[in-house]
Amino acid sequence: MQVIVAGGGIGGLAAALALHGSGHEVTVFEAAPTILPLGVGINLLPHAAEVLGELGLFDALSAQSVATRELIYFNRFGQRIWGEPRGRFAGHATPQLSLHRGALQGVLFDAAVERLGTGRVLCDRRLAGHEQGGGRVEALFLDRAGAAWKVSADLLICADGIHSAARAGLYPDEGPPIYGGRILWRGTSLAAPFLTGASMIIAGHQDQKFVVYPISPPGPDGRQRINWAADLAIARSLRREDWNRRGDPADFLPRFEDWRFGWLDVPGLVRSAEAIYEFPLVDRDPLPRWSHGRMTLLGDAAHPMYPNGSNGASQAILDAQALVRALAAHADPVEALAAYEAERLPATAAIVAANRRNGPEQCLQIAYERAPNGFDRIEDVFAPGELEAIAARYRVLTGLKHASEPPVR
């Protein structure tokens, strides 16, 4: 079939590559004038990394990433609450990959340009609307100068992000994304490895948190590129989210000035940042439908969520896999899109809801509420098996549970 993908982000490019790999003729239209390696760090969970591996991208991605060994939660005093192995270290067939978002975007973009063919990845083309009829869908795109292009295809896959024009056309009364009451300041710094050199750390609690993990192997000087995010409760955000807005450390660093754990110097890491970006924590309520005839939503256009559990990009990639699987199973593309929605909408809606309750990070908040001044023994704070159950429930919810794990109660 001929397929239009609106949106050249991670979800859109993953969908385009998966669709092309299944024999469909795909064209990608991206609103930005050019696709640049923007952003900071990102995690690919094992099931998402496996999907990209099946597309022949694993070697290119692993060369620019760190295979995460462990995830550990600490309180604001650096006391360990809970930890678990990740990726292959947890028994998965594929590692969890931590890398720069721009590196992931670049690998996907280069593969799409090479495989889809000349003129199949077009920038400066913003989706402005679509119409359906006669077994086809016609999409309207505009460039920044106002010129219009009408393109006809069998299917329209809208992966045009949290401010999706397609979603707004379907649900014009939805309004802007919902602010979650917290601001994230994100950056990368070159620093010496900490702990295993492949550890992901989340410290603090719901209203004040610091996330840190390496996204590149050590260089000749022994330093790694370290991704970090400082997260603070702020009653109101007056600015629209924009991953490219520069942040000011004066707005958050004083709150983390004494966060020095011996193995990690939080203020030192922030002060050595290559760049800092500010982003309000936002999501949207789950929709009743994604698929309407021969068009559907995918990725952040369908299910924007808080970044708890590293599920944003990973769930978009799983969308792409499910879409291709549905198209292979149903001769009627309208039925296929309905089947894709039936599989993915409830699954991602559950993650949106869980992340609003702190997702796997709820252990941080429980520890803070029960022991706000720290503890001598974590066993005095949590009942036996309580921490394991919190982690296991979230793994099942996000599709990360592997066969060797016992049933979750």
Foldseek 3Di string as FASTA:
>chain_A
DEEEEEALALLSLLLQLLCVVLPYQYAYEHQAQDDALDFFKAKAAFVLLVSVVVSVQNVQQVQAWFQAFKEWEAELQRHTQDMDGGAVNNPHPGTITMARSSSSSVSSVVVCDVRNDPPRYHYQWHWQDWDDDDQKIWTWTAGPVGDIDIDIDNAYEYAHALPTNVLCVVVVPQDHWDFLQKKKKKFKFWDAQFDPSRYWYWYHADAWIKTKGFTGAADPVRTTIMIMMIMHGHRDDPDAFDSPAFDDCVVPVVVSCPRDNPRDRVSVRVVRTPTMGMGTFTWGQADPAAADQRYGYAANSHTGAGCQPSPRSNLSSVLSVQLSVLVVVDVRNSSSRVSSCVPRRVLRNVVRVCVSCVQLRNSNHQCCVQCVPDDDDSCVRDPPPPNVLSVVVSCVSNVNDDDVDDDHD
